[in-house]
Structures are given as structure tokens and as C-alpha cells.
N, C-alpha and C. Protein backbone atom coordinates (compact mmCIF):
# COMPACT_ATOMS: atom_id res chain seq x y z
N MET A 1 -22.00 -4.63 -11.25
CA MET A 1 -21.85 -3.77 -12.39
C MET A 1 -23.03 -4.25 -13.37
N SER A 2 -23.68 -3.31 -13.95
CA SER A 2 -24.79 -3.59 -14.79
C SER A 2 -24.28 -3.89 -16.15
N ARG A 3 -25.09 -4.55 -16.96
CA ARG A 3 -24.77 -4.97 -18.19
C ARG A 3 -24.47 -3.80 -19.22
N ALA A 4 -25.30 -2.78 -18.97
CA ALA A 4 -25.10 -1.62 -19.69
C ALA A 4 -23.67 -0.83 -19.62
N SER A 5 -23.23 -0.97 -18.38
CA SER A 5 -21.84 -0.37 -18.17
C SER A 5 -20.63 -1.22 -18.58
N GLN A 6 -20.91 -2.48 -18.86
CA GLN A 6 -19.77 -3.43 -19.15
C GLN A 6 -18.99 -3.05 -20.42
N PRO A 7 -19.88 -2.77 -21.61
CA PRO A 7 -19.10 -2.29 -22.70
C PRO A 7 -18.13 -1.24 -22.55
N TYR A 8 -18.65 -0.10 -21.82
CA TYR A 8 -17.84 1.06 -21.45
C TYR A 8 -16.53 0.56 -20.85
N TYR A 9 -16.60 -0.20 -19.70
CA TYR A 9 -15.34 -0.62 -18.94
C TYR A 9 -14.53 -1.55 -19.77
N THR A 10 -15.11 -2.24 -20.62
CA THR A 10 -14.38 -3.13 -21.57
C THR A 10 -13.48 -2.28 -22.43
N GLU A 11 -14.26 -1.26 -22.96
CA GLU A 11 -13.56 -0.31 -24.03
C GLU A 11 -12.55 0.49 -23.30
N LEU A 12 -12.71 0.82 -22.07
CA LEU A 12 -11.81 1.69 -21.29
C LEU A 12 -10.61 0.86 -21.02
N LEU A 13 -10.66 -0.46 -20.68
CA LEU A 13 -9.57 -1.29 -20.32
C LEU A 13 -8.84 -1.71 -21.72
N ARG A 14 -9.72 -1.80 -22.87
CA ARG A 14 -8.87 -1.93 -24.16
C ARG A 14 -7.98 -0.77 -24.54
N ALA A 15 -8.59 0.47 -24.35
CA ALA A 15 -7.71 1.74 -24.48
C ALA A 15 -6.59 1.86 -23.63
N GLU A 16 -6.74 1.48 -22.43
CA GLU A 16 -5.57 1.55 -21.55
C GLU A 16 -4.57 0.54 -21.94
N ALA A 17 -4.93 -0.75 -22.15
CA ALA A 17 -3.98 -1.64 -22.69
C ALA A 17 -3.12 -1.33 -23.84
N SER A 18 -3.97 -0.66 -24.83
CA SER A 18 -3.31 -0.25 -26.09
C SER A 18 -2.27 0.83 -25.91
N SER A 19 -2.69 1.85 -25.06
CA SER A 19 -1.65 2.89 -24.73
C SER A 19 -0.57 2.50 -23.97
N THR A 20 -0.69 1.53 -23.16
CA THR A 20 0.37 0.88 -22.42
C THR A 20 1.30 0.25 -23.34
N MET A 21 0.71 -0.46 -24.17
CA MET A 21 1.57 -1.33 -25.28
C MET A 21 2.39 -0.34 -26.07
N SER A 22 1.84 0.94 -26.30
CA SER A 22 2.52 1.76 -27.33
C SER A 22 3.58 2.63 -26.55
N THR A 23 3.45 2.56 -25.37
CA THR A 23 4.52 3.42 -24.55
C THR A 23 5.78 2.61 -24.58
N PRO A 24 6.93 3.22 -24.78
CA PRO A 24 8.19 2.64 -24.72
C PRO A 24 8.41 1.96 -23.24
N LEU A 25 9.10 0.99 -23.20
CA LEU A 25 9.41 0.19 -22.03
C LEU A 25 10.03 1.08 -20.86
N ALA A 26 11.08 1.91 -21.25
CA ALA A 26 11.84 2.63 -20.37
C ALA A 26 10.92 3.55 -19.39
N PRO A 27 10.05 4.33 -19.93
CA PRO A 27 9.07 5.18 -19.00
C PRO A 27 8.17 4.24 -18.10
N ARG A 28 7.77 3.05 -18.73
CA ARG A 28 6.94 2.14 -17.89
C ARG A 28 7.70 1.58 -16.77
N MET A 29 8.95 1.22 -16.95
CA MET A 29 9.75 0.70 -15.88
C MET A 29 10.00 1.69 -14.87
N ILE A 30 10.35 3.03 -15.26
CA ILE A 30 10.52 4.07 -14.30
C ILE A 30 9.34 4.24 -13.47
N LEU A 31 8.09 4.28 -14.01
CA LEU A 31 6.92 4.40 -13.30
C LEU A 31 6.76 3.23 -12.36
N LEU A 32 7.04 2.14 -12.76
CA LEU A 32 6.94 0.82 -11.85
C LEU A 32 7.79 0.95 -10.79
N ASN A 33 9.01 1.41 -10.89
CA ASN A 33 9.96 1.44 -9.94
C ASN A 33 9.74 2.55 -8.99
N ASP A 34 9.05 3.63 -9.38
CA ASP A 34 8.49 4.72 -8.58
C ASP A 34 7.45 4.23 -7.66
N ALA A 35 6.70 3.41 -8.31
CA ALA A 35 5.45 2.97 -7.59
C ALA A 35 5.90 1.96 -6.51
N THR A 36 6.73 1.22 -6.84
CA THR A 36 7.44 0.22 -5.98
C THR A 36 8.00 0.87 -4.67
N ASP A 37 8.63 1.88 -5.12
CA ASP A 37 9.44 2.56 -3.97
C ASP A 37 8.35 3.15 -3.17
N LEU A 38 7.41 3.71 -3.70
CA LEU A 38 6.38 4.37 -2.77
C LEU A 38 5.55 3.31 -1.90
N ILE A 39 5.40 2.19 -2.55
CA ILE A 39 4.71 1.22 -1.72
C ILE A 39 5.49 0.75 -0.55
N GLU A 40 6.81 0.60 -0.82
CA GLU A 40 7.62 0.17 0.17
C GLU A 40 7.81 1.21 1.31
N GLU A 41 7.72 2.52 0.99
CA GLU A 41 7.90 3.51 1.98
C GLU A 41 6.53 3.46 2.83
N VAL A 42 5.41 3.33 2.23
CA VAL A 42 4.32 3.21 2.92
C VAL A 42 4.18 2.02 3.76
N VAL A 43 4.60 0.83 3.32
CA VAL A 43 4.62 -0.41 4.19
C VAL A 43 5.51 -0.16 5.38
N SER A 44 6.73 0.41 5.18
CA SER A 44 7.67 0.63 6.18
C SER A 44 7.10 1.53 7.21
N SER A 45 6.49 2.76 6.83
CA SER A 45 5.86 3.66 7.75
C SER A 45 4.81 2.99 8.60
N LYS A 46 3.97 2.25 8.01
CA LYS A 46 2.93 1.46 8.68
C LYS A 46 3.40 0.42 9.73
N SER A 47 4.59 -0.09 9.31
CA SER A 47 5.10 -1.08 10.25
C SER A 47 5.84 -0.21 11.43
N LYS A 48 6.35 0.89 11.25
CA LYS A 48 6.93 1.64 12.31
C LYS A 48 5.86 1.97 13.14
N ILE A 49 4.70 2.55 12.61
CA ILE A 49 3.52 3.03 13.45
C ILE A 49 2.97 1.68 14.34
N LEU A 50 2.81 0.51 13.70
CA LEU A 50 2.31 -0.58 14.35
C LEU A 50 3.35 -1.02 15.49
N ASP A 51 4.54 -0.93 15.29
CA ASP A 51 5.57 -1.33 16.29
C ASP A 51 5.45 -0.34 17.40
N PHE A 52 5.17 0.91 17.23
CA PHE A 52 5.06 1.87 18.26
C PHE A 52 3.76 1.73 19.08
N ARG A 53 2.71 1.28 18.19
CA ARG A 53 1.54 1.08 19.02
C ARG A 53 1.64 -0.16 19.78
N ILE A 54 2.29 -1.27 19.35
CA ILE A 54 2.55 -2.47 20.22
C ILE A 54 3.27 -2.14 21.49
N GLN A 55 4.33 -1.16 21.29
CA GLN A 55 5.03 -0.94 22.56
C GLN A 55 4.14 -0.05 23.60
N ILE A 56 3.41 0.87 23.13
CA ILE A 56 2.32 1.58 24.02
C ILE A 56 1.46 0.64 24.66
N LEU A 57 0.90 -0.37 23.95
CA LEU A 57 0.09 -1.30 24.48
C LEU A 57 0.67 -2.34 25.50
N ALA A 58 1.79 -2.65 25.17
CA ALA A 58 2.64 -3.43 26.26
C ALA A 58 2.99 -2.80 27.44
N LYS A 59 3.27 -1.48 27.31
CA LYS A 59 3.56 -0.64 28.67
C LYS A 59 2.05 -0.61 29.27
N ALA A 60 1.11 -0.39 28.62
CA ALA A 60 -0.17 -0.18 29.14
C ALA A 60 -0.58 -1.47 30.05
N ILE A 61 -0.39 -2.52 29.43
CA ILE A 61 -0.61 -3.98 30.00
C ILE A 61 0.10 -4.06 31.26
N ARG A 62 1.48 -3.77 31.10
CA ARG A 62 2.43 -3.93 32.30
C ARG A 62 1.85 -3.03 33.54
N LEU A 63 1.48 -1.81 33.17
CA LEU A 63 1.04 -0.87 34.20
C LEU A 63 -0.19 -1.32 34.86
N GLN A 64 -1.36 -1.79 34.11
CA GLN A 64 -2.43 -2.29 34.72
C GLN A 64 -2.34 -3.56 35.37
N SER A 65 -1.38 -4.48 35.09
CA SER A 65 -1.06 -5.62 35.81
C SER A 65 -0.32 -5.42 37.15
N GLY A 66 0.20 -4.27 37.24
CA GLY A 66 1.06 -3.79 38.46
C GLY A 66 2.45 -4.24 38.22
N PHE A 67 2.81 -4.49 36.98
CA PHE A 67 4.16 -4.90 36.66
C PHE A 67 4.93 -3.57 36.62
N SER A 68 6.19 -3.62 37.27
CA SER A 68 7.08 -2.50 37.27
C SER A 68 7.74 -2.17 35.84
N PRO A 69 7.62 -0.93 35.35
CA PRO A 69 8.29 -0.80 34.12
C PRO A 69 9.71 -0.88 34.07
N THR A 70 10.29 -0.96 35.39
CA THR A 70 11.57 -0.88 35.43
C THR A 70 12.16 -2.25 35.44
N SER A 71 11.37 -3.19 35.62
CA SER A 71 11.83 -4.63 35.77
C SER A 71 12.07 -5.25 34.31
């Protein structure tokens, strides 16, 4: 980041901090809870996709090695 743009970002952060501080706590907590729920949903979805990919990879390895999928 160039020195010329630093004051802009500093001022932007100050404005955000002051607006956040003037917002009542309840709406901020609702937003935080919504964000947390969204993050948990994304992580859960990614975990399910990863589990599925691992299962497919394991089956592919078994097939390539001549291991019977029924064993």
C-alpha cells in the first residue's frame, strides 16, 4: 500500500469504527449471529464435499490396486 493511500484507509477505518460504535448492540449481535451461522453452513458444506471426494478417491485406489469393492 502506498503512503498516499494510507490516510484514506485510516480514515475509512475510523469512520467504520465510529459507525459501529454508534450502532446499538442488538443489531450488531444479530448480524454477528447471522454471519456465524453462514460460516458454519459453508464449513459444513465444504466438509461434506471433502468427505465425498475422499470416498471417491478411496474407491478409485481400490479399483486400481485390484482390490474388490465388495471385500
